[in-house]
Amino acid sequence: MTAVVFPYLPPDDLLKAEEESNARELSWYLDSLQEKLAEFKAGLEDCYAKLSPVEDPESSTLVISTPKSELVKGHVTRVGTRVIKGSIYLRLKTLPPINLKLNESSPLLLPQLAHLRTLLNSALDSIDITLWTGDRHSGSFINSQLHLLHSILLEAASVLSGPTLNIRPGTPNPLPLAPRTSGEQGNPDNPPWYEIAPTPDTFVPPLPTNLSLHLLPTASSLILTLRVLEPTAVPESTFSKFATAIGAQRRLEHDEMDEVFVYKGEEVRVKEKVRVESGGDPVLLVLGVKLGSLVKGVEGCMCGLRAVMGVGEEEDD
């Protein structure tokens, strides 16, 4: 039995037949990608709708309370990219007890989710260009558009994932401390806590001037960080130094205790820091799963197109 193809083709004709077969396969694959791109668009539109600023069933009311203590007790309601209402009762060690209520006429914006919504809109634009404007029969064009879409989706997933929390034994904070994020190095779409502050009318009563309140969204919840600040220009009292030296008073330890920040134009230190994570946000959880699925789907299309075009990842890059 022979494995020779019958009828036998001369080398030149065989090469031509292979090229024609590859061209037909590439054309078929590019046509099938149009359906996949339409599916990606539908998934992105669903993700975009989940960050709509309109109050609807997609809103999430989340409990924010410290476990096994009364430091922080409360709840907030997130709709889209904003926290529209909530109430938080604080009993911090270095401040008198205070009950804060969010002013519903002045919602609290979450810039990270606003940036995520912008990225989703950019991803939708890139798909529209691929479907309706560019050359759908050009493998190189479709390949470059898939790379663009993939990079946007990776950034969106990164924005939603938030910081990674590191466990540090012995920390007094309710949650493990998190390292500095890229936003704390000047990213305008994810500004650090010391560059943003709620407006005076955001809470009733207004926040004390020496209290910073920062909300950070993650893939599954919101992280509330409270910081009691003290100006560096005010030296520590002699009594406080003596009480600390003899052990009668213990300094509240945290990861920012020896750092100096510029907050509202004034150099300050963080005297007390409390970090607490809200209950699970079902909308953010679904959004994270959908984004992860979209990333995997686009990666599969990129891999298939490389195989059909006969190029490797190195050549592709």
C-alpha atoms as a PDB file:
ATOM      1  CA  MET A   1       0.000   0.000   0.000  1.00  0.00           C
ATOM      2  CA  THR A   2       1.343   3.451  -0.905  1.00  0.00           C
ATOM      3  CA  ALA A   3       0.884   6.824   0.754  1.00  0.00           C
ATOM      4  CA  VAL A   4       1.601   8.731  -2.468  1.00  0.00           C
ATOM      5  CA  VAL A   5      -1.172  11.167  -3.437  1.00  0.00           C
ATOM      6  CA  PHE A   6      -2.926  10.172  -6.650  1.00  0.00           C
ATOM      7  CA  PRO A   7      -2.859  11.606  -9.211  1.00  0.00           C
ATOM      8  CA  TYR A   8       0.763  12.635  -8.778  1.00  0.00           C
ATOM      9  CA  LEU A   9       1.387  16.399  -9.082  1.00  0.00           C
ATOM     10  CA  PRO A  10       4.636  17.969 -10.206  1.00  0.00           C
ATOM     11  CA  PRO A  11       6.399  19.987  -7.458  1.00  0.00           C
ATOM     12  CA  ASP A  12       5.373  23.344  -8.940  1.00  0.00           C
ATOM     13  CA  ASP A  13       1.717  22.327  -9.242  1.00  0.00           C
ATOM     14  CA  LEU A  14       1.751  20.825  -5.753  1.00  0.00           C
ATOM     15  CA  LEU A  15       3.104  24.069  -4.286  1.00  0.00           C
ATOM     16  CA  LYS A  16       0.435  26.048  -6.112  1.00  0.00           C
ATOM     17  CA  ALA A  17      -2.280  23.690  -4.864  1.00  0.00           C
ATOM     18  CA  GLU A  18      -1.035  24.071  -1.273  1.00  0.00           C
ATOM     19  CA  GLU A  19      -1.091  27.848  -1.574  1.00  0.00           C
ATOM     20  CA  GLU A  20      -4.635  27.782  -2.941  1.00  0.00           C
ATOM     21  CA  SER A  21      -5.726  25.451  -0.137  1.00  0.00           C
ATOM     22  CA  ASN A  22      -4.129  27.714   2.495  1.00  0.00           C
ATOM     23  CA  ALA A  23      -5.806  30.756   0.976  1.00  0.00           C
ATOM     24  CA  ARG A  24      -9.218  29.042   1.085  1.00  0.00           C
ATOM     25  CA  GLU A  25      -8.634  27.985   4.705  1.00  0.00           C
ATOM     26  CA  LEU A  26      -7.606  31.522   5.675  1.00  0.00           C
ATOM     27  CA  SER A  27     -10.659  32.983   3.925  1.00  0.00           C
ATOM     28  CA  TRP A  28     -12.938  30.516   5.733  1.00  0.00           C
ATOM     29  CA  TYR A  29     -11.347  31.267   9.102  1.00  0.00           C
ATOM     30  CA  LEU A  30     -11.581  35.038   8.613  1.00  0.00           C
ATOM     31  CA  ASP A  31     -15.283  34.675   7.760  1.00  0.00           C
ATOM     32  CA  SER A  32     -15.860  32.575  10.885  1.00  0.00           C
ATOM     33  CA  LEU A  33     -14.107  35.246  12.973  1.00  0.00           C
ATOM     34  CA  GLN A  34     -16.848  37.708  12.037  1.00  0.00           C
ATOM     35  CA  GLU A  35     -19.301  35.624  14.067  1.00  0.00           C
ATOM     36  CA  LYS A  36     -16.885  35.401  16.981  1.00  0.00           C
ATOM     37  CA  LEU A  37     -16.366  39.171  16.936  1.00  0.00           C
ATOM     38  CA  ALA A  38     -20.142  39.661  17.031  1.00  0.00           C
ATOM     39  CA  GLU A  39     -20.264  37.376  20.091  1.00  0.00           C
ATOM     40  CA  PHE A  40     -17.464  39.364  21.750  1.00  0.00           C
ATOM     41  CA  LYS A  41     -19.372  42.575  21.053  1.00  0.00           C
ATOM     42  CA  ALA A  42     -22.520  41.208  22.703  1.00  0.00           C
ATOM     43  CA  GLY A  43     -20.493  40.177  25.760  1.00  0.00           C
ATOM     44  CA  LEU A  44     -18.825  43.587  25.998  1.00  0.00           C
ATOM     45  CA  GLU A  45     -22.157  45.382  25.705  1.00  0.00           C
ATOM     46  CA  ASP A  46     -23.423  43.314  28.632  1.00  0.00           C
ATOM     47  CA  CYS A  47     -20.331  44.257  30.676  1.00  0.00           C
ATOM     48  CA  TYR A  48     -20.758  47.916  29.719  1.00  0.00           C
ATOM     49  CA  ALA A  49     -24.404  47.854  30.820  1.00  0.00           C
ATOM     50  CA  LYS A  50     -23.409  46.523  34.246  1.00  0.00           C
ATOM     51  CA  LEU A  51     -21.516  49.776  34.840  1.00  0.00           C
ATOM     52  CA  SER A  52     -24.454  51.934  33.801  1.00  0.00           C
ATOM     53  CA  PRO A  53     -24.983  54.938  36.123  1.00  0.00           C
ATOM     54  CA  VAL A  54     -28.749  54.346  36.179  1.00  0.00           C
ATOM     55  CA  GLU A  55     -30.220  52.802  39.330  1.00  0.00           C
ATOM     56  CA  ASP A  56     -31.646  49.423  38.338  1.00  0.00           C
ATOM     57  CA  PRO A  57     -31.526  45.751  39.454  1.00  0.00           C
ATOM     58  CA  GLU A  58     -27.750  45.805  38.736  1.00  0.00           C
ATOM     59  CA  SER A  59     -27.151  47.898  41.876  1.00  0.00           C
ATOM     60  CA  SER A  60     -25.368  46.289  44.835  1.00  0.00           C
ATOM     61  CA  THR A  61     -25.858  47.016  48.533  1.00  0.00           C
ATOM     62  CA  LEU A  62     -22.742  45.888  50.392  1.00  0.00           C
ATOM     63  CA  VAL A  63     -22.037  45.485  54.098  1.00  0.00           C
ATOM     64  CA  ILE A  64     -18.777  47.110  55.230  1.00  0.00           C
ATOM     65  CA  SER A  65     -17.960  46.080  58.796  1.00  0.00           C
ATOM     66  CA  THR A  66     -14.871  45.013  60.689  1.00  0.00           C
ATOM     67  CA  PRO A  67     -15.120  41.406  61.911  1.00  0.00           C
ATOM     68  CA  LYS A  68     -15.037  40.874  65.694  1.00  0.00           C
ATOM     69  CA  SER A  69     -14.775  44.595  66.458  1.00  0.00           C
ATOM     70  CA  GLU A  70     -16.784  47.813  66.403  1.00  0.00           C
ATOM     71  CA  LEU A  71     -14.215  49.927  64.530  1.00  0.00           C
ATOM     72  CA  VAL A  72     -16.326  50.150  61.362  1.00  0.00           C
ATOM     73  CA  LYS A  73     -19.984  49.222  60.914  1.00  0.00           C
ATOM     74  CA  GLY A  74     -22.082  50.169  57.929  1.00  0.00           C
ATOM     75  CA  HIS A  75     -23.251  49.571  54.384  1.00  0.00           C
ATOM     76  CA  VAL A  76     -23.050  51.263  50.967  1.00  0.00           C
ATOM     77  CA  THR A  77     -24.983  50.946  47.693  1.00  0.00           C
ATOM     78  CA  ARG A  78     -23.013  50.946  44.442  1.00  0.00           C
ATOM     79  CA  VAL A  79     -24.649  51.647  41.083  1.00  0.00           C
ATOM     80  CA  GLY A  80     -22.399  51.551  38.050  1.00  0.00           C
ATOM     81  CA  THR A  81     -19.312  53.654  38.707  1.00  0.00           C
ATOM     82  CA  ARG A  82     -20.686  55.459  41.780  1.00  0.00           C
ATOM     83  CA  VAL A  83     -21.649  54.853  45.387  1.00  0.00           C
ATOM     84  CA  ILE A  84     -25.023  56.557  45.672  1.00  0.00           C
ATOM     85  CA  LYS A  85     -25.951  55.985  49.319  1.00  0.00           C
ATOM     86  CA  GLY A  86     -24.694  54.479  52.515  1.00  0.00           C
ATOM     87  CA  SER A  87     -24.146  54.835  56.229  1.00  0.00           C
ATOM     88  CA  ILE A  88     -20.923  54.120  58.143  1.00  0.00           C
ATOM     89  CA  TYR A  89     -20.450  54.228  61.927  1.00  0.00           C
ATOM     90  CA  LEU A  90     -16.831  54.700  63.056  1.00  0.00           C
ATOM     91  CA  ARG A  91     -15.246  54.059  66.438  1.00  0.00           C
ATOM     92  CA  LEU A  92     -11.574  54.598  65.668  1.00  0.00           C
ATOM     93  CA  LYS A  93      -8.977  54.646  68.439  1.00  0.00           C
ATOM     94  CA  THR A  94      -7.745  58.174  67.755  1.00  0.00           C
ATOM     95  CA  LEU A  95     -11.059  59.886  66.898  1.00  0.00           C
ATOM     96  CA  PRO A  96     -14.351  60.399  68.735  1.00  0.00           C
ATOM     97  CA  PRO A  97     -17.178  58.119  67.482  1.00  0.00           C
ATOM     98  CA  ILE A  98     -18.859  59.441  64.350  1.00  0.00           C
ATOM     99  CA  ASN A  99     -21.813  58.309  62.235  1.00  0.00           C
ATOM    100  CA  LEU A 100     -21.368  59.214  58.568  1.00  0.00           C
ATOM    101  CA  LYS A 101     -24.208  59.200  56.057  1.00  0.00           C
ATOM    102  CA  LEU A 102     -23.641  59.570  52.327  1.00  0.00           C
ATOM    103  CA  ASN A 103     -25.427  62.545  50.789  1.00  0.00           C
ATOM    104  CA  GLU A 104     -27.557  61.017  48.006  1.00  0.00           C
ATOM    105  CA  SER A 105     -27.422  64.253  46.012  1.00  0.00           C
ATOM    106  CA  SER A 106     -23.605  64.043  45.913  1.00  0.00           C
ATOM    107  CA  PRO A 107     -22.650  60.427  45.034  1.00  0.00           C
ATOM    108  CA  LEU A 108     -19.103  59.174  45.503  1.00  0.00           C
ATOM    109  CA  LEU A 109     -17.367  58.451  42.179  1.00  0.00           C
ATOM    110  CA  LEU A 110     -15.143  55.370  41.826  1.00  0.00           C
ATOM    111  CA  PRO A 111     -12.533  56.494  39.243  1.00  0.00           C
ATOM    112  CA  GLN A 112     -11.259  52.939  38.679  1.00  0.00           C
ATOM    113  CA  LEU A 113     -14.693  51.764  37.500  1.00  0.00           C
ATOM    114  CA  ALA A 114     -15.091  54.912  35.398  1.00  0.00           C
ATOM    115  CA  HIS A 115     -11.775  54.036  33.705  1.00  0.00           C
ATOM    116  CA  LEU A 116     -12.954  50.443  33.248  1.00  0.00           C
ATOM    117  CA  ARG A 117     -16.104  51.690  31.497  1.00  0.00           C
ATOM    118  CA  THR A 118     -13.949  53.810  29.169  1.00  0.00           C
ATOM    119  CA  LEU A 119     -11.837  50.748  28.328  1.00  0.00           C
ATOM    120  CA  LEU A 120     -14.950  48.700  27.541  1.00  0.00           C
ATOM    121  CA  ASN A 121     -16.126  51.451  25.231  1.00  0.00           C
ATOM    122  CA  SER A 122     -12.719  51.427  23.479  1.00  0.00           C
ATOM    123  CA  ALA A 123     -12.981  47.642  23.049  1.00  0.00           C
ATOM    124  CA  LEU A 124     -16.424  48.036  21.454  1.00  0.00           C
ATOM    125  CA  ASP A 125     -15.040  50.681  19.092  1.00  0.00           C
ATOM    126  CA  SER A 126     -12.201  48.380  18.034  1.00  0.00           C
ATOM    127  CA  ILE A 127     -14.671  45.591  17.224  1.00  0.00           C
ATOM    128  CA  ASP A 128     -16.870  47.971  15.195  1.00  0.00           C
ATOM    129  CA  ILE A 129     -13.818  49.062  13.176  1.00  0.00           C
ATOM    130  CA  THR A 130     -12.903  45.425  12.567  1.00  0.00           C
ATOM    131  CA  LEU A 131     -16.422  44.467  11.486  1.00  0.00           C
ATOM    132  CA  TRP A 132     -17.432  47.450   9.386  1.00  0.00           C
ATOM    133  CA  THR A 133     -14.466  49.636   8.430  1.00  0.00           C
ATOM    134  CA  GLY A 134     -11.355  47.533   7.784  1.00  0.00           C
ATOM    135  CA  ASP A 135     -10.615  44.773   5.291  1.00  0.00           C
ATOM    136  CA  ARG A 136     -12.250  41.680   6.706  1.00  0.00           C
ATOM    137  CA  HIS A 137     -10.360  39.501   4.184  1.00  0.00           C
ATOM    138  CA  SER A 138      -6.919  40.727   5.291  1.00  0.00           C
ATOM    139  CA  GLY A 139      -5.305  38.341   7.746  1.00  0.00           C
ATOM    140  CA  SER A 140      -2.719  40.894   8.878  1.00  0.00           C
ATOM    141  CA  PHE A 141      -5.414  43.524   9.560  1.00  0.00           C
ATOM    142  CA  ILE A 142      -7.626  41.157  11.547  1.00  0.00           C
ATOM    143  CA  ASN A 143      -4.574  39.916  13.430  1.00  0.00           C
ATOM    144  CA  SER A 144      -3.561  43.454  14.453  1.00  0.00           C
ATOM    145  CA  GLN A 145      -7.131  44.259  15.538  1.00  0.00           C
ATOM    146  CA  LEU A 146      -7.292  41.115  17.664  1.00  0.00           C
ATOM    147  CA  HIS A 147      -4.037  42.153  19.338  1.00  0.00           C
ATOM    148  CA  LEU A 148      -5.484  45.595  20.051  1.00  0.00           C
ATOM    149  CA  LEU A 149      -8.688  44.113  21.471  1.00  0.00           C
ATOM    150  CA  HIS A 150      -6.690  41.664  23.594  1.00  0.00           C
ATOM    151  CA  SER A 151      -4.505  44.428  25.089  1.00  0.00           C
ATOM    152  CA  ILE A 152      -7.586  46.521  25.979  1.00  0.00           C
ATOM    153  CA  LEU A 153      -9.298  43.557  27.634  1.00  0.00           C
ATOM    154  CA  LEU A 154      -6.154  42.690  29.612  1.00  0.00           C
ATOM    155  CA  GLU A 155      -5.977  46.255  30.918  1.00  0.00           C
ATOM    156  CA  ALA A 156      -9.680  46.163  31.795  1.00  0.00           C
ATOM    157  CA  ALA A 157      -9.235  42.902  33.713  1.00  0.00           C
ATOM    158  CA  SER A 158      -6.229  44.392  35.500  1.00  0.00           C
ATOM    159  CA  VAL A 159      -8.200  47.492  36.534  1.00  0.00           C
ATOM    160  CA  LEU A 160     -10.995  45.342  37.919  1.00  0.00           C
ATOM    161  CA  SER A 161      -8.715  42.936  39.787  1.00  0.00           C
ATOM    162  CA  GLY A 162      -7.429  45.733  42.043  1.00  0.00           C
ATOM    163  CA  PRO A 163      -4.399  45.362  44.334  1.00  0.00           C
ATOM    164  CA  THR A 164      -3.164  42.028  45.649  1.00  0.00           C
ATOM    165  CA  LEU A 165      -3.441  41.833  49.425  1.00  0.00           C
ATOM    166  CA  ASN A 166      -0.356  40.564  51.235  1.00  0.00           C
ATOM    167  CA  ILE A 167      -0.748  38.826  54.579  1.00  0.00           C
ATOM    168  CA  ARG A 168       1.458  40.297  57.279  1.00  0.00           C
ATOM    169  CA  PRO A 169       1.270  38.603  60.664  1.00  0.00           C
ATOM    170  CA  GLY A 170       0.633  40.837  63.646  1.00  0.00           C
ATOM    171  CA  THR A 171      -0.894  43.728  61.683  1.00  0.00           C
ATOM    172  CA  PRO A 172      -3.574  45.656  63.613  1.00  0.00           C
ATOM    173  CA  ASN A 173      -5.615  46.239  60.452  1.00  0.00           C
ATOM    174  CA  PRO A 174      -8.784  44.185  59.913  1.00  0.00           C
ATOM    175  CA  LEU A 175      -7.449  43.199  56.469  1.00  0.00           C
ATOM    176  CA  PRO A 176      -3.901  42.353  55.340  1.00  0.00           C
ATOM    177  CA  LEU A 177      -2.006  45.326  54.000  1.00  0.00           C
ATOM    178  CA  ALA A 178      -1.743  45.919  50.274  1.00  0.00           C
ATOM    179  CA  PRO A 179       1.323  47.128  48.404  1.00  0.00           C
ATOM    180  CA  ARG A 180       1.357  50.358  46.468  1.00  0.00           C
ATOM    181  CA  THR A 181      -0.522  50.037  43.193  1.00  0.00           C
ATOM    182  CA  SER A 182       0.354  51.590  39.857  1.00  0.00           C
ATOM    183  CA  GLY A 183      -2.211  54.264  40.617  1.00  0.00           C
ATOM    184  CA  GLU A 184      -0.197  55.395  43.615  1.00  0.00           C
ATOM    185  CA  GLN A 185       2.596  56.257  41.204  1.00  0.00           C
ATOM    186  CA  GLY A 186       0.623  58.891  39.320  1.00  0.00           C
ATOM    187  CA  ASN A 187      -1.899  57.054  37.100  1.00  0.00           C
ATOM    188  CA  PRO A 188      -4.712  59.605  36.595  1.00  0.00           C
ATOM    189  CA  ASP A 189      -7.242  56.806  36.083  1.00  0.00           C
ATOM    190  CA  ASN A 190      -6.409  55.209  39.427  1.00  0.00           C
ATOM    191  CA  PRO A 191      -5.311  58.096  41.653  1.00  0.00           C
ATOM    192  CA  PRO A 192      -3.764  57.410  45.075  1.00  0.00           C
ATOM    193  CA  TRP A 193      -5.705  58.241  48.211  1.00  0.00           C
ATOM    194  CA  TYR A 194      -3.696  61.368  48.997  1.00  0.00           C
ATOM    195  CA  GLU A 195      -4.547  62.938  45.607  1.00  0.00           C
ATOM    196  CA  ILE A 196      -8.308  62.597  45.971  1.00  0.00           C
ATOM    197  CA  ALA A 197     -10.686  63.507  48.749  1.00  0.00           C
ATOM    198  CA  PRO A 198     -14.495  63.458  48.992  1.00  0.00           C
ATOM    199  CA  THR A 199     -16.050  66.882  48.637  1.00  0.00           C
ATOM    200  CA  PRO A 200     -17.306  68.471  51.898  1.00  0.00           C
ATOM    201  CA  ASP A 201     -20.937  67.771  50.967  1.00  0.00           C
ATOM    202  CA  THR A 202     -20.378  64.062  50.236  1.00  0.00           C
ATOM    203  CA  PHE A 203     -21.066  63.013  53.829  1.00  0.00           C
ATOM    204  CA  VAL A 204     -23.376  64.270  56.548  1.00  0.00           C
ATOM    205  CA  PRO A 205     -21.824  65.400  58.817  1.00  0.00           C
ATOM    206  CA  PRO A 206     -18.753  66.368  56.738  1.00  0.00           C
ATOM    207  CA  LEU A 207     -15.638  64.275  57.231  1.00  0.00           C
ATOM    208  CA  PRO A 208     -13.285  65.568  59.934  1.00  0.00           C
ATOM    209  CA  THR A 209     -10.395  67.453  58.351  1.00  0.00           C
ATOM    210  CA  ASN A 210      -7.921  64.903  59.700  1.00  0.00           C
ATOM    211  CA  LEU A 211      -9.791  61.846  58.364  1.00  0.00           C
ATOM    212  CA  SER A 212      -9.219  60.366  54.900  1.00  0.00           C
ATOM    213  CA  LEU A 213     -11.791  57.945  53.447  1.00  0.00           C
ATOM    214  CA  HIS A 214     -10.882  55.962  50.336  1.00  0.00           C
ATOM    215  CA  LEU A 215     -12.951  53.327  48.483  1.00  0.00           C
ATOM    216  CA  LEU A 216     -11.240  50.980  46.017  1.00  0.00           C
ATOM    217  CA  PRO A 217     -13.173  48.459  43.853  1.00  0.00           C
ATOM    218  CA  THR A 218     -11.802  44.961  43.266  1.00  0.00           C
ATOM    219  CA  ALA A 219     -13.033  42.008  41.239  1.00  0.00           C
ATOM    220  CA  SER A 220     -15.381  40.928  44.029  1.00  0.00           C
ATOM    221  CA  SER A 221     -15.898  43.761  46.517  1.00  0.00           C
ATOM    222  CA  LEU A 222     -15.070  47.277  47.676  1.00  0.00           C
ATOM    223  CA  ILE A 223     -12.156  47.982  50.004  1.00  0.00           C
ATOM    224  CA  LEU A 224     -12.623  50.867  52.440  1.00  0.00           C
ATOM    225  CA  THR A 225      -9.462  52.430  53.881  1.00  0.00           C
ATOM    226  CA  LEU A 226      -9.666  54.985  56.682  1.00  0.00           C
ATOM    227  CA  ARG A 227      -6.667  57.068  57.710  1.00  0.00           C
ATOM    228  CA  VAL A 228      -6.439  59.425  60.676  1.00  0.00           C
ATOM    229  CA  LEU A 229      -3.890  62.081  59.722  1.00  0.00           C
ATOM    230  CA  GLU A 230      -1.657  64.414  61.704  1.00  0.00           C
ATOM    231  CA  PRO A 231       0.374  67.329  60.294  1.00  0.00           C
ATOM    232  CA  THR A 232       4.134  66.849  60.295  1.00  0.00           C
ATOM    233  CA  ALA A 233       4.479  70.501  61.386  1.00  0.00           C
ATOM    234  CA  VAL A 234       2.942  69.653  64.770  1.00  0.00           C
ATOM    235  CA  PRO A 235       5.607  67.940  66.912  1.00  0.00           C
ATOM    236  CA  GLU A 236       4.721  65.058  69.184  1.00  0.00           C
ATOM    237  CA  SER A 237       4.032  66.209  72.746  1.00  0.00           C
ATOM    238  CA  THR A 238       6.513  65.473  75.515  1.00  0.00           C
ATOM    239  CA  PHE A 239       3.866  63.545  77.454  1.00  0.00           C
ATOM    240  CA  SER A 240       3.142  61.349  74.430  1.00  0.00           C
ATOM    241  CA  LYS A 241       6.845  60.643  73.913  1.00  0.00           C
ATOM    242  CA  PHE A 242       7.278  59.753  77.600  1.00  0.00           C
ATOM    243  CA  ALA A 243       4.178  57.530  77.654  1.00  0.00           C
ATOM    244  CA  THR A 244       5.409  55.674  74.578  1.00  0.00           C
ATOM    245  CA  ALA A 245       8.909  55.288  76.053  1.00  0.00           C
ATOM    246  CA  ILE A 246       7.699  53.679  79.311  1.00  0.00           C
ATOM    247  CA  GLY A 247       5.123  51.501  77.534  1.00  0.00           C
ATOM    248  CA  ALA A 248       2.051  53.265  78.905  1.00  0.00           C
ATOM    249  CA  GLN A 249       1.043  54.217  75.382  1.00  0.00           C
ATOM    250  CA  ARG A 250       1.601  52.070  72.322  1.00  0.00           C
ATOM    251  CA  ARG A 251       2.076  53.477  68.852  1.00  0.00           C
ATOM    252  CA  LEU A 252      -0.465  52.193  66.341  1.00  0.00           C
ATOM    253  CA  GLU A 253       1.579  50.225  63.820  1.00  0.00           C
ATOM    254  CA  HIS A 254       0.751  49.987  60.113  1.00  0.00           C
ATOM    255  CA  ASP A 255       2.567  49.968  56.768  1.00  0.00           C
ATOM    256  CA  GLU A 256       2.458  53.781  56.302  1.00  0.00           C
ATOM    257  CA  MET A 257       3.415  54.864  59.823  1.00  0.00           C
ATOM    258  CA  ASP A 258       6.842  56.231  58.837  1.00  0.00           C
ATOM    259  CA  GLU A 259       5.854  57.851  55.536  1.00  0.00           C
ATOM    260  CA  VAL A 260       4.992  61.482  54.778  1.00  0.00           C
ATOM    261  CA  PHE A 261       2.248  62.411  52.301  1.00  0.00           C
ATOM    262  CA  VAL A 262       0.974  65.685  50.862  1.00  0.00           C
ATOM    263  CA  TYR A 263      -2.791  65.730  51.461  1.00  0.00           C
ATOM    264  CA  LYS A 264      -4.827  68.821  50.567  1.00  0.00           C
ATOM    265  CA  GLY A 265      -1.612  70.810  50.234  1.00  0.00           C
ATOM    266  CA  GLU A 266      -0.264  69.864  53.683  1.00  0.00           C
ATOM    267  CA  GLU A 267       2.405  67.375  54.706  1.00  0.00           C
ATOM    268  CA  VAL A 268       0.863  64.727  56.931  1.00  0.00           C
ATOM    269  CA  ARG A 269       1.590  61.401  58.556  1.00  0.00           C
ATOM    270  CA  VAL A 270      -0.881  58.552  58.957  1.00  0.00           C
ATOM    271  CA  LYS A 271      -1.569  58.220  62.684  1.00  0.00           C
ATOM    272  CA  GLU A 272      -4.073  55.373  62.420  1.00  0.00           C
ATOM    273  CA  LYS A 273      -5.050  53.201  59.472  1.00  0.00           C
ATOM    274  CA  VAL A 274      -7.940  50.768  59.157  1.00  0.00           C
ATOM    275  CA  ARG A 275      -8.705  48.706  56.067  1.00  0.00           C
ATOM    276  CA  VAL A 276     -11.882  46.653  55.683  1.00  0.00           C
ATOM    277  CA  GLU A 277     -13.381  44.725  52.775  1.00  0.00           C
ATOM    278  CA  SER A 278     -17.077  44.786  51.962  1.00  0.00           C
ATOM    279  CA  GLY A 279     -19.235  41.767  51.382  1.00  0.00           C
ATOM    280  CA  GLY A 280     -19.150  40.200  47.921  1.00  0.00           C
ATOM    281  CA  ASP A 281     -20.469  42.351  45.081  1.00  0.00           C
ATOM    282  CA  PRO A 282     -22.364  39.984  42.729  1.00  0.00           C
ATOM    283  CA  VAL A 283     -22.252  42.436  39.808  1.00  0.00           C
ATOM    284  CA  LEU A 284     -18.471  42.857  40.008  1.00  0.00           C
ATOM    285  CA  LEU A 285     -18.066  39.089  40.357  1.00  0.00           C
ATOM    286  CA  VAL A 286     -20.067  38.467  37.168  1.00  0.00           C
ATOM    287  CA  LEU A 287     -18.219  41.267  35.403  1.00  0.00           C
ATOM    288  CA  GLY A 288     -14.860  39.718  36.305  1.00  0.00           C
ATOM    289  CA  VAL A 289     -15.919  36.289  35.035  1.00  0.00           C
ATOM    290  CA  LYS A 290     -17.206  37.736  31.748  1.00  0.00           C
ATOM    291  CA  LEU A 291     -14.012  39.718  31.183  1.00  0.00           C
ATOM    292  CA  GLY A 292     -11.902  36.634  31.873  1.00  0.00           C
ATOM    293  CA  SER A 293     -13.975  34.635  29.388  1.00  0.00           C
ATOM    294  CA  LEU A 294     -13.587  37.367  26.746  1.00  0.00           C
ATOM    295  CA  VAL A 295      -9.816  37.443  27.216  1.00  0.00           C
ATOM    296  CA  LYS A 296      -9.618  33.649  26.751  1.00  0.00           C
ATOM    297  CA  GLY A 297     -11.896  33.830  23.700  1.00  0.00           C
ATOM    298  CA  VAL A 298      -9.774  36.472  21.976  1.00  0.00           C
ATOM    299  CA  GLU A 299      -6.594  34.540  22.804  1.00  0.00           C
ATOM    300  CA  GLY A 300      -8.113  31.441  21.153  1.00  0.00           C
ATOM    301  CA  CYS A 301      -8.932  33.420  17.996  1.00  0.00           C
ATOM    302  CA  MET A 302      -5.396  34.849  17.889  1.00  0.00           C
ATOM    303  CA  CYS A 303      -3.879  31.376  18.266  1.00  0.00           C
ATOM    304  CA  GLY A 304      -6.103  29.953  15.494  1.00  0.00           C
ATOM    305  CA  LEU A 305      -5.294  32.812  13.122  1.00  0.00           C
ATOM    306  CA  ARG A 306      -1.560  32.377  13.701  1.00  0.00           C
ATOM    307  CA  ALA A 307      -1.872  28.682  12.869  1.00  0.00           C
ATOM    308  CA  VAL A 308      -3.815  29.344   9.653  1.00  0.00           C
ATOM    309  CA  MET A 309      -1.414  32.097   8.566  1.00  0.00           C
ATOM    310  CA  GLY A 310       1.556  29.868   9.386  1.00  0.00           C
ATOM    311  CA  VAL A 311       3.303  32.303  11.715  1.00  0.00           C
ATOM    312  CA  GLY A 312       4.639  31.828  15.243  1.00  0.00           C
ATOM    313  CA  GLU A 313       4.244  34.112  18.244  1.00  0.00           C
ATOM    314  CA  GLU A 314       7.735  35.555  17.666  1.00  0.00           C
ATOM    315  CA  GLU A 315       6.915  36.504  14.076  1.00  0.00           C
ATOM    316  CA  ASP A 316       3.486  37.709  15.165  1.00  0.00           C
ATOM    317  CA  ASP A 317       5.005  40.137  17.668  1.00  0.00           C
END
